[in-house]
Amino acid sequence: MSVGETLQTRGRRSGLRLMAVHAHPDDESSKGAATTARYAAEGVDVLVVTCTGGERGSILNPRYAGAHGSPAEMALVRQAEMAAAANALGVRQHWLGFVDSGLPEGDPLPPLPEGCFARVPLEEAAAPLVELVRSFRPHVITTYDPTGGYPHPDHIMCHNVAFEAFHAAAAAEHYRGRGEPWAPLKLYYNHDFSLHRIQTVHEAVVAAGLESPFGDWVSSRAMREIPAREVTTRIACSEYFPARDAALVAHATQIDPDGFFFAIPRELEIDVWPVEEFELAESRVPVTLPEDDLFAGIHPEDFR
């Protein structure tokens, strides 16, 4: 029996460590949030890593009463939002300190700003995360797949940095002076906006006689042409949807409490999609797929 199975029967998982690497403040609340809240409640030490300050984020909540200030002012607002979201999820949080690249728009796309996260050389961008991995010593790391989940340059860079850190943190010859080597045991990619989830929830909403917020997504040719990625791991976490929702609302500049993220009745969501999905990208321990636990295959001797 794995340590995950053993400790779940006791409801506690003290000694396990999970690191979730995200691009901007608010990403941790829309991607894998209920999973992190569940593990934190069960005793796992959960650390959310935020690569950028979200300085170039637009105000996406039409109900937000504050002004859109300078990037420096926006960073301060989003720091406060992030603290409230972390509190709602019951997790710790760490800033890597890079500058938001913004989402380029136009045809042709403009160049990315000088000094932004997506333009930092990989080894320079990964170094602080390698150091953090070596000090926090996570057993499991979660992040985005190589596409970033969607083509925001910071999301793609976030994948690159987390992938680099997962491998390089274990190698003494890499990133010298950045701490003692540590080998995380498993690397996962988030799957929160998979077409399968969108289609399933959309059909359930329509069947209930309600208007689906996913109608345009389901009919979108571009959406249907995105290759489906393998789902290996489904985490039952509907009990923690309220914590996820509270974390989302904490990001007041980004999330409308009456908007897209809250358009699905929660009772319906729990009935048809009570899980969050992940893709096991790499494992240094033997696994049996599919899984229902990010810590499956990790045994007490792996606690260090």
Protein backbone atom coordinates (compact mmCIF):
# COMPACT_ATOMS: atom_id res chain seq x y z
CA MET A 1 0.00 0.00 0.00
CA SER A 2 1.33 3.46 -0.87
CA VAL A 3 1.85 6.09 1.78
CA GLY A 4 -0.93 8.10 0.16
CA GLU A 5 -3.39 5.25 0.70
CA THR A 6 -2.10 4.59 4.22
CA LEU A 7 -2.27 8.19 5.39
CA GLN A 8 -5.57 8.93 3.73
CA THR A 9 -7.23 6.39 6.02
CA ARG A 10 -6.02 8.55 8.90
CA GLY A 11 -7.04 11.77 7.15
CA ARG A 12 -3.58 13.30 7.55
CA ARG A 13 -0.51 13.41 5.32
CA SER A 14 2.04 15.19 7.45
CA GLY A 15 5.50 14.94 5.90
CA LEU A 16 4.41 15.14 2.26
CA ARG A 17 5.21 18.27 0.25
CA LEU A 18 3.54 19.59 -2.90
CA MET A 19 4.75 22.50 -5.04
CA ALA A 20 2.38 24.09 -7.58
CA VAL A 21 4.17 26.36 -10.06
CA HIS A 22 2.05 29.06 -11.74
CA ALA A 23 2.65 32.02 -14.03
CA HIS A 24 0.53 34.77 -12.45
CA PRO A 25 -1.46 35.49 -9.30
CA ASP A 26 -4.97 34.01 -9.91
CA ASP A 27 -3.68 31.02 -11.91
CA GLU A 28 -3.38 29.00 -8.70
CA SER A 29 -7.10 29.61 -8.09
CA SER A 30 -8.33 28.52 -11.54
CA LYS A 31 -6.00 25.54 -12.07
CA GLY A 32 -5.85 22.72 -9.56
CA ALA A 33 -7.08 24.91 -6.69
CA ALA A 34 -9.48 22.44 -5.09
CA THR A 35 -6.76 19.78 -5.22
CA THR A 36 -4.26 21.97 -3.40
CA ALA A 37 -6.92 22.92 -0.85
CA ARG A 38 -7.72 19.24 -0.27
CA TYR A 39 -4.10 18.25 0.24
CA ALA A 40 -3.43 21.20 2.52
CA ALA A 41 -6.45 20.24 4.64
CA GLU A 42 -5.10 16.69 4.85
CA GLY A 43 -1.79 17.86 6.25
CA VAL A 44 0.36 18.15 3.12
CA ASP A 45 2.72 21.12 3.09
CA VAL A 46 1.56 22.92 -0.07
CA LEU A 47 3.63 25.71 -1.58
CA VAL A 48 2.25 27.77 -4.48
CA VAL A 49 5.00 29.39 -6.54
CA THR A 50 4.03 32.46 -8.58
CA CYS A 51 6.53 33.32 -11.30
CA THR A 52 5.42 36.91 -11.99
CA GLY A 53 3.65 39.72 -10.18
CA GLY A 54 0.84 40.06 -12.72
CA GLU A 55 1.89 43.70 -13.25
CA ARG A 56 0.64 43.84 -16.84
CA GLY A 57 -2.66 42.13 -16.20
CA SER A 58 -5.78 43.97 -17.28
CA ILE A 59 -8.71 44.54 -14.94
CA LEU A 60 -11.06 41.78 -16.13
CA ASN A 61 -13.79 42.20 -13.52
CA PRO A 62 -16.25 44.87 -14.68
CA ARG A 63 -17.46 45.22 -11.09
CA TYR A 64 -14.03 46.12 -9.76
CA ALA A 65 -14.19 49.62 -8.29
CA GLY A 66 -10.48 50.39 -8.19
CA ALA A 67 -8.50 52.24 -10.82
CA HIS A 68 -6.04 50.59 -13.20
CA GLY A 69 -2.82 52.12 -11.98
CA SER A 70 0.77 51.72 -13.08
CA PRO A 71 2.32 48.25 -13.28
CA ALA A 72 3.95 48.84 -9.89
CA GLU A 73 0.58 49.78 -8.36
CA MET A 74 -1.09 46.80 -10.02
CA ALA A 75 1.58 44.50 -8.56
CA LEU A 76 0.76 45.73 -5.04
CA VAL A 77 -2.94 45.14 -5.54
CA ARG A 78 -2.33 41.66 -6.85
CA GLN A 79 0.01 40.83 -3.98
CA ALA A 80 -2.83 41.54 -1.57
CA GLU A 81 -5.22 39.47 -3.68
CA MET A 82 -2.75 36.60 -3.75
CA ALA A 83 -2.38 36.63 0.02
CA ALA A 84 -6.15 36.39 0.42
CA ALA A 85 -6.37 33.56 -2.12
CA ALA A 86 -3.59 31.59 -0.43
CA ASN A 87 -5.39 31.99 2.88
CA ALA A 88 -8.63 30.68 1.33
CA LEU A 89 -6.84 27.60 0.00
CA GLY A 90 -4.83 27.03 3.17
CA VAL A 91 -1.51 27.04 1.32
CA ARG A 92 1.80 28.87 1.50
CA GLN A 93 2.92 31.05 -1.39
CA HIS A 94 6.25 32.28 -2.79
CA TRP A 95 7.01 34.91 -5.45
CA LEU A 96 9.81 34.15 -7.91
CA GLY A 97 10.02 37.87 -8.66
CA PHE A 98 9.83 38.05 -12.45
CA VAL A 99 7.92 40.70 -14.40
CA ASP A 100 4.67 39.85 -16.18
CA SER A 101 5.14 39.70 -19.97
CA GLY A 102 1.56 40.70 -20.76
CA LEU A 103 -0.54 39.02 -23.45
CA PRO A 104 0.54 40.41 -26.82
CA GLU A 105 -2.30 41.34 -29.16
CA GLY A 106 -2.43 42.42 -32.79
CA ASP A 107 -1.42 41.17 -36.21
CA PRO A 108 1.48 40.98 -36.36
CA LEU A 109 2.04 40.49 -32.64
CA PRO A 110 4.22 43.15 -31.03
CA PRO A 111 7.53 42.15 -29.44
CA LEU A 112 7.48 41.27 -25.77
CA PRO A 113 8.64 44.00 -23.37
CA GLU A 114 12.29 44.16 -22.40
CA GLY A 115 13.06 42.39 -19.14
CA CYS A 116 9.79 40.47 -18.97
CA PHE A 117 9.63 36.87 -17.74
CA ALA A 118 9.25 35.25 -21.15
CA ARG A 119 12.43 36.95 -22.40
CA VAL A 120 14.68 35.89 -19.52
CA PRO A 121 17.22 33.21 -20.52
CA LEU A 122 16.08 29.81 -19.25
CA GLU A 123 18.95 29.15 -16.87
CA GLU A 124 18.55 32.58 -15.30
CA ALA A 125 14.78 32.15 -14.97
CA ALA A 126 15.04 28.61 -13.58
CA ALA A 127 17.79 29.34 -11.03
CA PRO A 128 15.57 30.74 -8.25
CA LEU A 129 13.09 27.90 -8.73
CA VAL A 130 15.88 25.30 -8.57
CA GLU A 131 17.01 26.91 -5.31
CA LEU A 132 13.46 26.84 -3.98
CA VAL A 133 12.98 23.20 -4.95
CA ARG A 134 16.21 22.31 -3.15
CA SER A 135 15.14 24.14 0.00
CA PHE A 136 11.43 23.17 0.07
CA ARG A 137 12.15 19.60 -1.15
CA PRO A 138 8.76 18.79 -2.73
CA HIS A 139 7.80 15.21 -3.45
CA VAL A 140 5.42 16.35 -6.21
CA ILE A 141 5.48 19.35 -8.56
CA THR A 142 2.53 20.50 -10.67
CA THR A 143 2.62 23.02 -13.52
CA TYR A 144 1.40 23.51 -17.12
CA ASP A 145 1.93 21.30 -20.16
CA PRO A 146 4.37 22.45 -22.91
CA THR A 147 1.64 24.55 -24.58
CA GLY A 148 1.15 26.49 -21.35
CA GLY A 149 -2.49 25.39 -21.33
CA TYR A 150 -3.07 28.34 -23.66
CA PRO A 151 -0.52 30.36 -25.62
CA HIS A 152 0.32 33.08 -23.09
CA PRO A 153 4.10 33.57 -23.21
CA ASP A 154 4.35 33.47 -19.41
CA HIS A 155 2.48 30.17 -19.23
CA ILE A 156 4.80 28.58 -21.75
CA MET A 157 7.80 29.99 -19.90
CA CYS A 158 6.37 28.72 -16.62
CA HIS A 159 6.30 25.20 -18.06
CA ASN A 160 9.88 25.53 -19.30
CA VAL A 161 11.14 26.78 -15.95
CA ALA A 162 9.30 24.13 -13.90
CA PHE A 163 10.41 21.34 -16.25
CA GLU A 164 14.00 22.54 -16.01
CA ALA A 165 13.85 22.78 -12.22
CA PHE A 166 12.32 19.31 -11.83
CA HIS A 167 15.34 17.79 -13.59
CA ALA A 168 18.15 20.16 -12.67
CA ALA A 169 17.44 20.36 -8.94
CA ALA A 170 18.53 16.72 -8.62
CA ALA A 171 21.89 17.21 -10.32
CA ALA A 172 24.78 18.45 -8.18
CA GLU A 173 26.68 19.65 -11.25
CA HIS A 174 23.89 22.05 -12.24
CA TYR A 175 23.12 25.39 -10.58
CA ARG A 176 26.05 25.21 -8.18
CA GLY A 177 25.65 27.39 -5.14
CA ARG A 178 21.87 27.03 -5.25
CA GLY A 179 21.53 24.48 -2.44
CA GLU A 180 21.93 20.76 -1.93
CA PRO A 181 20.46 18.57 -4.70
CA TRP A 182 16.90 17.31 -4.31
CA ALA A 183 15.03 15.01 -6.70
CA PRO A 184 11.25 15.58 -6.75
CA LEU A 185 9.52 12.26 -7.35
CA LYS A 186 6.66 13.19 -9.68
CA LEU A 187 5.86 15.97 -12.17
CA TYR A 188 2.26 16.65 -13.23
CA TYR A 189 0.55 18.95 -15.73
CA ASN A 190 -2.80 20.61 -14.92
CA HIS A 191 -5.78 19.73 -17.13
CA ASP A 192 -8.47 22.11 -15.90
CA PHE A 193 -9.71 23.36 -19.27
CA SER A 194 -9.73 20.09 -21.24
CA LEU A 195 -12.23 19.82 -24.10
CA HIS A 196 -13.64 16.66 -22.49
CA ARG A 197 -14.49 18.55 -19.29
CA ILE A 198 -15.94 21.47 -21.21
CA GLN A 199 -18.08 19.17 -23.39
CA THR A 200 -19.32 17.12 -20.43
CA VAL A 201 -20.31 20.11 -18.32
CA HIS A 202 -21.81 21.92 -21.33
CA GLU A 203 -24.07 18.98 -22.16
CA ALA A 204 -25.20 18.68 -18.54
CA VAL A 205 -26.04 22.38 -18.34
CA VAL A 206 -28.02 22.28 -21.58
CA ALA A 207 -29.85 19.13 -20.44
CA ALA A 208 -30.85 21.00 -17.29
CA GLY A 209 -32.44 23.71 -19.44
CA LEU A 210 -29.83 26.31 -18.57
CA GLU A 211 -27.61 28.53 -20.69
CA SER A 212 -24.09 27.15 -20.94
CA PRO A 213 -21.09 29.47 -20.75
CA PHE A 214 -19.22 26.92 -22.86
CA GLY A 215 -21.44 27.12 -25.95
CA ASP A 216 -18.95 29.07 -28.04
CA TRP A 217 -16.07 26.89 -26.84
CA VAL A 218 -17.79 23.66 -27.85
CA SER A 219 -18.63 24.97 -31.31
CA SER A 220 -15.21 26.51 -31.87
CA ARG A 221 -13.23 24.80 -34.60
CA ALA A 222 -9.99 26.07 -33.08
CA MET A 223 -10.89 24.50 -29.74
CA ARG A 224 -11.71 21.17 -31.35
CA GLU A 225 -8.41 21.15 -33.22
CA ILE A 226 -6.39 21.30 -30.00
CA PRO A 227 -4.91 17.81 -29.51
CA ALA A 228 -6.25 16.05 -26.43
CA ARG A 229 -3.62 15.26 -23.83
CA GLU A 230 -3.65 12.09 -21.75
CA VAL A 231 -5.36 12.26 -18.39
CA THR A 232 -3.67 9.92 -15.93
CA THR A 233 -4.90 11.18 -12.58
CA ARG A 234 -8.27 12.33 -11.28
CA ILE A 235 -8.44 13.90 -7.83
CA ALA A 236 -11.81 13.86 -6.06
CA CYS A 237 -12.03 17.33 -4.56
CA SER A 238 -15.61 18.64 -4.77
CA GLU A 239 -15.62 19.14 -1.00
CA TYR A 240 -13.06 21.88 -1.62
CA PHE A 241 -14.89 23.72 -4.41
CA PRO A 242 -15.99 26.39 -1.87
CA ALA A 243 -12.32 27.03 -1.01
CA ARG A 244 -11.50 27.26 -4.71
CA ASP A 245 -14.36 29.70 -5.25
CA ALA A 246 -13.27 31.85 -2.31
CA ALA A 247 -9.75 31.96 -3.75
CA LEU A 248 -11.10 33.00 -7.14
CA VAL A 249 -13.17 35.82 -5.64
CA ALA A 250 -10.11 37.03 -3.75
CA HIS A 251 -8.62 38.04 -7.11
CA ALA A 252 -11.05 40.94 -7.41
CA THR A 253 -9.26 42.61 -10.35
CA GLN A 254 -9.58 39.44 -12.41
CA ILE A 255 -12.71 37.54 -11.38
CA ASP A 256 -16.34 38.67 -11.59
CA PRO A 257 -18.29 36.89 -8.81
CA ASP A 258 -21.25 36.72 -11.19
CA GLY A 259 -19.15 35.89 -14.24
CA PHE A 260 -17.81 32.96 -16.21
CA PHE A 261 -16.24 30.95 -13.37
CA PHE A 262 -19.53 30.93 -11.46
CA ALA A 263 -21.93 30.31 -14.33
CA ILE A 264 -22.25 26.57 -13.63
CA PRO A 265 -24.53 25.71 -10.69
CA ARG A 266 -22.28 24.11 -8.11
CA GLU A 267 -24.70 21.25 -7.42
CA LEU A 268 -24.63 20.34 -11.11
CA GLU A 269 -20.83 20.64 -11.28
CA ILE A 270 -20.41 18.34 -8.28
CA ASP A 271 -22.76 15.81 -9.87
CA VAL A 272 -21.07 15.64 -13.29
CA TRP A 273 -17.47 16.72 -12.65
CA PRO A 274 -16.39 16.36 -8.99
CA VAL A 275 -12.70 16.01 -9.85
CA GLU A 276 -9.65 17.87 -11.09
CA GLU A 277 -7.54 16.16 -13.73
CA PHE A 278 -3.80 15.91 -14.16
CA GLU A 279 -1.32 14.34 -16.54
CA LEU A 280 1.61 12.50 -14.99
CA ALA A 281 4.53 13.77 -17.07
CA GLU A 282 7.40 12.07 -15.23
CA SER A 283 7.82 9.82 -12.21
CA ARG A 284 10.89 8.62 -10.36
CA VAL A 285 8.81 6.03 -8.49
CA PRO A 286 6.85 3.08 -9.94
CA VAL A 287 3.22 3.96 -10.68
CA THR A 288 0.07 2.21 -11.80
CA LEU A 289 -2.22 4.24 -14.02
CA PRO A 290 -4.83 5.60 -13.77
CA GLU A 291 -4.34 7.22 -10.37
CA ASP A 292 -6.57 9.02 -7.89
CA ASP A 293 -3.76 10.51 -5.80
CA LEU A 294 -0.81 12.73 -6.76
CA PHE A 295 1.23 10.92 -4.10
CA ALA A 296 0.45 7.38 -5.30
CA GLY A 297 3.60 5.26 -5.34
CA ILE A 298 5.40 7.37 -2.72
CA HIS A 299 6.37 5.34 0.36
CA PRO A 300 7.61 6.32 3.85
CA GLU A 301 11.25 5.75 2.86
CA ASP A 302 10.81 8.58 0.35
CA PHE A 303 10.11 11.03 3.21
CA ARG A 304 13.29 13.02 3.65
